[in-house]
Structure formats: structure tokens, C-alpha cells
PDB file of all heavy atoms in Angstrom:
ATOM      1  N   THR A   1       0.847  -1.211  -0.015  1.00  0.00           N
ATOM      2  CA  THR A   1       0.062  -0.005   0.017  1.00  0.00           C
ATOM      3  C   THR A   1       0.849   1.196  -0.061  1.00  0.00           C
ATOM      4  O   THR A   1       1.624   1.579   0.895  1.00  0.00           O
ATOM      5  CB  THR A   1      -0.893   0.038   1.241  1.00  0.00           C
ATOM      6  OG1 THR A   1      -1.745  -1.197   1.241  1.00  0.00           O
ATOM      7  CG2 THR A   1      -1.716   1.306   1.276  1.00  0.00           C
ATOM      8  N   ARG A   2       0.894   1.891  -1.092  1.00  0.00           N
ATOM      9  CA  ARG A   2       1.608   3.230  -1.146  1.00  0.00           C
ATOM     10  C   ARG A   2       0.858   4.227  -0.452  1.00  0.00           C
ATOM     11  O   ARG A   2      -0.311   4.451  -0.721  1.00  0.00           O
ATOM     12  CB  ARG A   2       1.917   3.539  -2.652  1.00  0.00           C
ATOM     13  CG  ARG A   2       2.633   2.477  -3.445  1.00  0.00           C
ATOM     14  CD  ARG A   2       3.090   2.937  -4.783  1.00  0.00           C
ATOM     15  NE  ARG A   2       2.097   3.630  -5.670  1.00  0.00           N
ATOM     16  CZ  ARG A   2       1.276   2.870  -6.417  1.00  0.00           C
ATOM     17  NH1 ARG A   2       1.291   1.535  -6.296  1.00  0.00           N
ATOM     18  NH2 ARG A   2       0.296   3.457  -7.061  1.00  0.00           N
ATOM     19  N   TRP A   3       1.549   4.984   0.435  1.00  0.00           N
ATOM     20  CA  TRP A   3       0.820   5.949   1.223  1.00  0.00           C
ATOM     21  C   TRP A   3       1.177   7.417   0.975  1.00  0.00           C
ATOM     22  O   TRP A   3       2.410   7.597   0.562  1.00  0.00           O
ATOM     23  CB  TRP A   3       0.904   5.503   2.701  1.00  0.00           C
ATOM     24  CG  TRP A   3       2.329   5.672   3.355  1.00  0.00           C
ATOM     25  CD1 TRP A   3       3.301   4.783   3.214  1.00  0.00           C
ATOM     26  CD2 TRP A   3       2.863   6.780   3.950  1.00  0.00           C
ATOM     27  NE1 TRP A   3       4.483   5.235   3.765  1.00  0.00           N
ATOM     28  CE2 TRP A   3       4.246   6.445   4.314  1.00  0.00           C
ATOM     29  CE3 TRP A   3       2.352   8.040   4.405  1.00  0.00           C
ATOM     30  CZ2 TRP A   3       5.031   7.360   5.079  1.00  0.00           C
ATOM     31  CZ3 TRP A   3       3.212   8.863   5.123  1.00  0.00           C
ATOM     32  CH2 TRP A   3       4.540   8.570   5.365  1.00  0.00           C
ATOM     33  N   ALA A   4       0.362   8.249   1.177  1.00  0.00           N
ATOM     34  CA  ALA A   4       0.592   9.693   0.970  1.00  0.00           C
ATOM     35  C   ALA A   4      -0.293  10.511   1.917  1.00  0.00           C
ATOM     36  O   ALA A   4      -1.315  10.080   2.434  1.00  0.00           O
ATOM     37  CB  ALA A   4       0.447  10.022  -0.473  1.00  0.00           C
ATOM     38  N   GLU A   5       0.097  11.769   1.955  1.00  0.00           N
ATOM     39  CA  GLU A   5      -0.840  12.722   2.858  1.00  0.00           C
ATOM     40  C   GLU A   5      -0.660  14.010   2.418  1.00  0.00           C
ATOM     41  O   GLU A   5       0.392  14.411   1.696  1.00  0.00           O
ATOM     42  CB  GLU A   5      -0.457  12.456   4.314  1.00  0.00           C
ATOM     43  CG  GLU A   5       1.071  12.757   4.719  1.00  0.00           C
ATOM     44  CD  GLU A   5       1.239  12.496   6.097  1.00  0.00           C
ATOM     45  OE1 GLU A   5       0.585  11.716   6.724  1.00  0.00           O
ATOM     46  OE2 GLU A   5       2.203  13.143   6.708  1.00  0.00           O
ATOM     47  N   VAL A   6      -1.692  14.873   2.684  1.00  0.00           N
ATOM     48  CA  VAL A   6      -1.705  16.291   2.519  1.00  0.00           C
ATOM     49  C   VAL A   6      -1.623  17.018   3.832  1.00  0.00           C
ATOM     50  O   VAL A   6      -2.546  16.834   4.666  1.00  0.00           O
ATOM     51  CB  VAL A   6      -2.839  16.701   1.644  1.00  0.00           C
ATOM     52  CG1 VAL A   6      -2.912  18.214   1.474  1.00  0.00           C
ATOM     53  CG2 VAL A   6      -2.906  16.052   0.195  1.00  0.00           C
ATOM     54  N   THR A   7      -0.667  17.883   3.945  1.00  0.00           N
ATOM     55  CA  THR A   7      -0.607  18.648   5.236  1.00  0.00           C
ATOM     56  C   THR A   7      -0.460  20.135   4.850  1.00  0.00           C
ATOM     57  O   THR A   7      -0.459  20.392   3.652  1.00  0.00           O
ATOM     58  CB  THR A   7       0.562  18.198   6.025  1.00  0.00           C
ATOM     59  OG1 THR A   7       1.784  18.268   5.285  1.00  0.00           O
ATOM     60  CG2 THR A   7       0.350  16.820   6.524  1.00  0.00           C
ATOM     61  N   VAL A   8      -0.349  20.957   5.858  1.00  0.00           N
ATOM     62  CA  VAL A   8      -0.126  22.406   5.693  1.00  0.00           C
ATOM     63  C   VAL A   8       1.136  22.858   6.360  1.00  0.00           C
ATOM     64  O   VAL A   8       1.516  22.421   7.539  1.00  0.00           O
ATOM     65  CB  VAL A   8      -1.442  23.246   6.209  1.00  0.00           C
ATOM     66  CG1 VAL A   8      -1.142  24.692   6.211  1.00  0.00           C
ATOM     67  CG2 VAL A   8      -2.640  22.803   5.536  1.00  0.00           C
ATOM     68  N   ALA A   9       2.149  23.538   5.702  1.00  0.00           N
ATOM     69  CA  ALA A   9       3.303  23.850   6.156  1.00  0.00           C
ATOM     70  C   ALA A   9       3.192  24.836   7.403  1.00  0.00           C
ATOM     71  O   ALA A   9       2.381  25.841   7.210  1.00  0.00           O
ATOM     72  CB  ALA A   9       4.242  24.534   5.126  1.00  0.00           C
ATOM     73  N   GLU A  10       3.808  24.491   8.415  1.00  0.00           N
ATOM     74  CA  GLU A  10       3.813  25.390   9.663  1.00  0.00           C
ATOM     75  C   GLU A  10       4.768  26.556   9.584  1.00  0.00           C
ATOM     76  O   GLU A  10       4.540  27.453  10.263  1.00  0.00           O
ATOM     77  CB  GLU A  10       3.988  24.480  10.880  1.00  0.00           C
ATOM     78  CG  GLU A  10       2.961  23.431  11.120  1.00  0.00           C
ATOM     79  CD  GLU A  10       3.301  22.629  12.375  1.00  0.00           C
ATOM     80  OE1 GLU A  10       4.342  22.887  13.024  1.00  0.00           O
ATOM     81  OE2 GLU A  10       2.482  21.819  12.756  1.00  0.00           O
ATOM     82  N   GLN A  11       5.633  26.380   8.694  1.00  0.00           N
ATOM     83  CA  GLN A  11       6.716  27.490   8.587  1.00  0.00           C
ATOM     84  C   GLN A  11       7.497  27.348   7.239  1.00  0.00           C
ATOM     85  O   GLN A  11       7.407  26.308   6.638  1.00  0.00           O
ATOM     86  CB  GLN A  11       7.805  27.418   9.712  1.00  0.00           C
ATOM     87  CG  GLN A  11       8.541  26.074   9.782  1.00  0.00           C
ATOM     88  CD  GLN A  11       9.467  25.909  10.936  1.00  0.00           C
ATOM     89  OE1 GLN A  11       9.303  26.620  11.817  1.00  0.00           O
ATOM     90  NE2 GLN A  11      10.265  24.922  10.970  1.00  0.00           N
ATOM     91  N   GLU A  12       8.233  28.426   6.901  1.00  0.00           N
ATOM     92  CA  GLU A  12       8.996  28.289   5.724  1.00  0.00           C
ATOM     93  C   GLU A  12       9.998  27.203   5.853  1.00  0.00           C
ATOM     94  O   GLU A  12      10.689  27.074   6.903  1.00  0.00           O
ATOM     95  CB  GLU A  12       9.687  29.666   5.386  1.00  0.00           C
ATOM     96  CG  GLU A  12      10.501  29.585   4.169  1.00  0.00           C
ATOM     97  CD  GLU A  12      11.212  31.058   3.916  1.00  0.00           C
ATOM     98  OE1 GLU A  12      10.951  31.926   4.718  1.00  0.00           O
ATOM     99  OE2 GLU A  12      11.929  31.086   2.960  1.00  0.00           O
ATOM    100  N   ALA A  13      10.266  26.440   4.789  1.00  0.00           N
ATOM    101  CA  ALA A  13      11.286  25.318   4.893  1.00  0.00           C
ATOM    102  C   ALA A  13      11.711  24.905   3.547  1.00  0.00           C
ATOM    103  O   ALA A  13      11.036  25.227   2.541  1.00  0.00           O
ATOM    104  CB  ALA A  13      10.702  24.277   5.664  1.00  0.00           C
ATOM    105  N   LEU A  14      12.769  24.246   3.482  1.00  0.00           N
ATOM    106  CA  LEU A  14      13.258  23.629   2.169  1.00  0.00           C
ATOM    107  C   LEU A  14      12.922  22.282   2.151  1.00  0.00           C
ATOM    108  O   LEU A  14      13.411  21.448   3.023  1.00  0.00           O
ATOM    109  CB  LEU A  14      14.850  23.868   2.084  1.00  0.00           C
ATOM    110  CG  LEU A  14      15.393  23.339   0.794  1.00  0.00           C
ATOM    111  CD1 LEU A  14      14.886  24.115  -0.414  1.00  0.00           C
ATOM    112  CD2 LEU A  14      16.909  23.487   0.717  1.00  0.00           C
ATOM    113  N   THR A  15      12.153  21.755   1.183  1.00  0.00           N
ATOM    114  CA  THR A  15      11.711  20.438   1.080  1.00  0.00           C
ATOM    115  C   THR A  15      12.305  19.677  -0.120  1.00  0.00           C
ATOM    116  O   THR A  15      12.998  20.349  -0.921  1.00  0.00           O
ATOM    117  CB  THR A  15      10.186  20.353   0.992  1.00  0.00           C
ATOM    118  OG1 THR A  15       9.792  20.756  -0.339  1.00  0.00           O
ATOM    119  CG2 THR A  15       9.544  21.290   1.985  1.00  0.00           C
ATOM    120  N   SER A  16      11.990  18.397  -0.285  1.00  0.00           N
ATOM    121  CA  SER A  16      12.558  17.764  -1.431  1.00  0.00           C
ATOM    122  C   SER A  16      11.889  18.142  -2.718  1.00  0.00           C
ATOM    123  O   SER A  16      12.476  17.821  -3.799  1.00  0.00           O
ATOM    124  CB  SER A  16      12.267  16.182  -1.220  1.00  0.00           C
ATOM    125  OG  SER A  16      10.823  15.906  -0.928  1.00  0.00           O
ATOM    126  N   ALA A  17      10.821  18.867  -2.612  1.00  0.00           N
ATOM    127  CA  ALA A  17      10.164  19.437  -3.876  1.00  0.00           C
ATOM    128  C   ALA A  17      10.394  20.918  -4.018  1.00  0.00           C
ATOM    129  O   ALA A  17       9.807  21.614  -4.934  1.00  0.00           O
ATOM    130  CB  ALA A  17       8.599  19.251  -3.724  1.00  0.00           C
ATOM    131  N   GLY A  18      11.329  21.562  -3.149  1.00  0.00           N
ATOM    132  CA  GLY A  18      11.622  23.030  -3.255  1.00  0.00           C
ATOM    133  C   GLY A  18      11.221  23.630  -1.896  1.00  0.00           C
ATOM    134  O   GLY A  18      10.726  23.004  -1.019  1.00  0.00           O
ATOM    135  N   ARG A  19      11.289  24.986  -1.981  1.00  0.00           N
ATOM    136  CA  ARG A  19      10.998  25.779  -0.829  1.00  0.00           C
ATOM    137  C   ARG A  19       9.442  25.940  -0.670  1.00  0.00           C
ATOM    138  O   ARG A  19       8.814  26.219  -1.629  1.00  0.00           O
ATOM    139  CB  ARG A  19      11.806  27.111  -0.784  1.00  0.00           C
ATOM    140  CG  ARG A  19      11.595  28.006   0.429  1.00  0.00           C
ATOM    141  CD  ARG A  19      12.545  29.152   0.398  1.00  0.00           C
ATOM    142  NE  ARG A  19      13.949  28.679   0.449  1.00  0.00           N
ATOM    143  CZ  ARG A  19      14.524  28.352   1.509  1.00  0.00           C
ATOM    144  NH1 ARG A  19      13.915  28.412   2.662  1.00  0.00           N
ATOM    145  NH2 ARG A  19      15.835  27.940   1.528  1.00  0.00           N
ATOM    146  N   CYS A  20       9.007  25.917   0.623  1.00  0.00           N
ATOM    147  CA  CYS A  20       7.568  26.111   0.849  1.00  0.00           C
ATOM    148  C   CYS A  20       7.537  27.290   1.830  1.00  0.00           C
ATOM    149  O   CYS A  20       8.518  27.637   2.575  1.00  0.00           O
ATOM    150  CB  CYS A  20       6.912  24.912   1.410  1.00  0.00           C
ATOM    151  SG  CYS A  20       7.466  24.450   3.138  1.00  0.00           S
ATOM    152  N   GLN A  21       6.376  27.865   1.772  1.00  0.00           N
ATOM    153  CA  GLN A  21       6.090  29.045   2.670  1.00  0.00           C
ATOM    154  C   GLN A  21       5.082  28.508   3.758  1.00  0.00           C
ATOM    155  O   GLN A  21       4.326  27.650   3.578  1.00  0.00           O
ATOM    156  CB  GLN A  21       5.571  30.208   1.890  1.00  0.00           C
ATOM    157  CG  GLN A  21       6.484  30.746   0.865  1.00  0.00           C
ATOM    158  CD  GLN A  21       7.782  31.205   1.379  1.00  0.00           C
ATOM    159  OE1 GLN A  21       7.816  31.858   2.397  1.00  0.00           O
ATOM    160  NE2 GLN A  21       8.916  30.969   0.650  1.00  0.00           N
ATOM    161  N   GLN A  22       5.038  29.275   4.912  1.00  0.00           N
ATOM    162  CA  GLN A  22       4.029  28.980   5.899  1.00  0.00           C
ATOM    163  C   GLN A  22       2.711  29.013   5.305  1.00  0.00           C
ATOM    164  O   GLN A  22       2.207  30.020   4.607  1.00  0.00           O
ATOM    165  CB  GLN A  22       4.223  29.933   7.079  1.00  0.00           C
ATOM    166  CG  GLN A  22       3.069  29.607   8.150  1.00  0.00           C
ATOM    167  CD  GLN A  22       3.346  30.557   9.383  1.00  0.00           C
ATOM    168  OE1 GLN A  22       4.054  31.582   9.292  1.00  0.00           O
ATOM    169  NE2 GLN A  22       2.714  30.348  10.531  1.00  0.00           N
ATOM    170  N   GLY A  23       1.761  27.979   5.522  1.00  0.00           N
ATOM    171  CA  GLY A  23       0.426  28.011   5.025  1.00  0.00           C
ATOM    172  C   GLY A  23       0.278  27.317   3.697  1.00  0.00           C
ATOM    173  O   GLY A  23      -0.793  26.943   3.239  1.00  0.00           O
ATOM    174  N   ASP A  24       1.405  26.923   3.006  1.00  0.00           N
ATOM    175  CA  ASP A  24       1.305  26.181   1.759  1.00  0.00           C
ATOM    176  C   ASP A  24       0.827  24.737   2.107  1.00  0.00           C
ATOM    177  O   ASP A  24       1.114  24.054   3.071  1.00  0.00           O
ATOM    178  CB  ASP A  24       2.673  26.026   1.120  1.00  0.00           C
ATOM    179  CG  ASP A  24       3.176  27.262   0.394  1.00  0.00           C
ATOM    180  OD1 ASP A  24       2.279  28.163   0.208  1.00  0.00           O
ATOM    181  OD2 ASP A  24       4.427  27.353  -0.035  1.00  0.00           O
ATOM    182  N   ALA A  25       0.233  24.288   1.044  1.00  0.00           N
ATOM    183  CA  ALA A  25      -0.310  22.914   0.954  1.00  0.00           C
ATOM    184  C   ALA A  25       0.818  21.928   0.524  1.00  0.00           C
ATOM    185  O   ALA A  25       1.463  22.214  -0.483  1.00  0.00           O
ATOM    186  CB  ALA A  25      -1.494  22.587   0.138  1.00  0.00           C
ATOM    187  N   LEU A  26       1.180  20.908   1.289  1.00  0.00           N
ATOM    188  CA  LEU A  26       2.141  20.102   0.914  1.00  0.00           C
ATOM    189  C   LEU A  26       1.595  18.630   0.747  1.00  0.00           C
ATOM    190  O   LEU A  26       0.858  18.003   1.522  1.00  0.00           O
ATOM    191  CB  LEU A  26       3.206  19.931   2.082  1.00  0.00           C
ATOM    192  CG  LEU A  26       3.815  21.262   2.660  1.00  0.00           C
ATOM    193  CD1 LEU A  26       4.731  20.973   3.863  1.00  0.00           C
ATOM    194  CD2 LEU A  26       4.580  21.903   1.528  1.00  0.00           C
ATOM    195  N   GLY A  27       1.983  18.060  -0.441  1.00  0.00           N
ATOM    196  CA  GLY A  27       1.586  16.709  -0.714  1.00  0.00           C
ATOM    197  C   GLY A  27       2.825  15.736  -0.667  1.00  0.00           C
ATOM    198  O   GLY A  27       3.803  16.045  -1.404  1.00  0.00           O
ATOM    199  N   SER A  28       2.707  14.928   0.256  1.00  0.00           N
ATOM    200  CA  SER A  28       3.875  13.993   0.537  1.00  0.00           C
ATOM    201  C   SER A  28       3.550  12.534   0.224  1.00  0.00           C
ATOM    202  O   SER A  28       2.496  12.032   0.384  1.00  0.00           O
ATOM    203  CB  SER A  28       4.344  13.917   1.960  1.00  0.00           C
ATOM    204  OG  SER A  28       4.555  15.273   2.533  1.00  0.00           O
ATOM    205  N   ALA A  29       4.497  11.780  -0.438  1.00  0.00           N
ATOM    206  CA  ALA A  29       4.291  10.451  -0.805  1.00  0.00           C
ATOM    207  C   ALA A  29       5.477   9.707  -0.145  1.00  0.00           C
ATOM    208  O   ALA A  29       6.603   9.939  -0.304  1.00  0.00           O
ATOM    209  CB  ALA A  29       4.400  10.202  -2.305  1.00  0.00           C
TER     210      ALA A  29
END
């Protein structure tokens, strides 16, 4: 079962998909 989730960024950060800002929607697999 491949799992994934959608969350909301709590702060600015550098992720594996690039930089996100606080409040951005993040899709993780």
C-alpha cells in the first residue's frame, strides 16, 4: 500500500520538492 498525505506547512522550509512558505499545502508520498 503506497501511502501519501496532504498537510499544511507550519513554517518556511526547504523540502525535497523545493522551498515552501508557511500555510502552503504539501503533498507527501
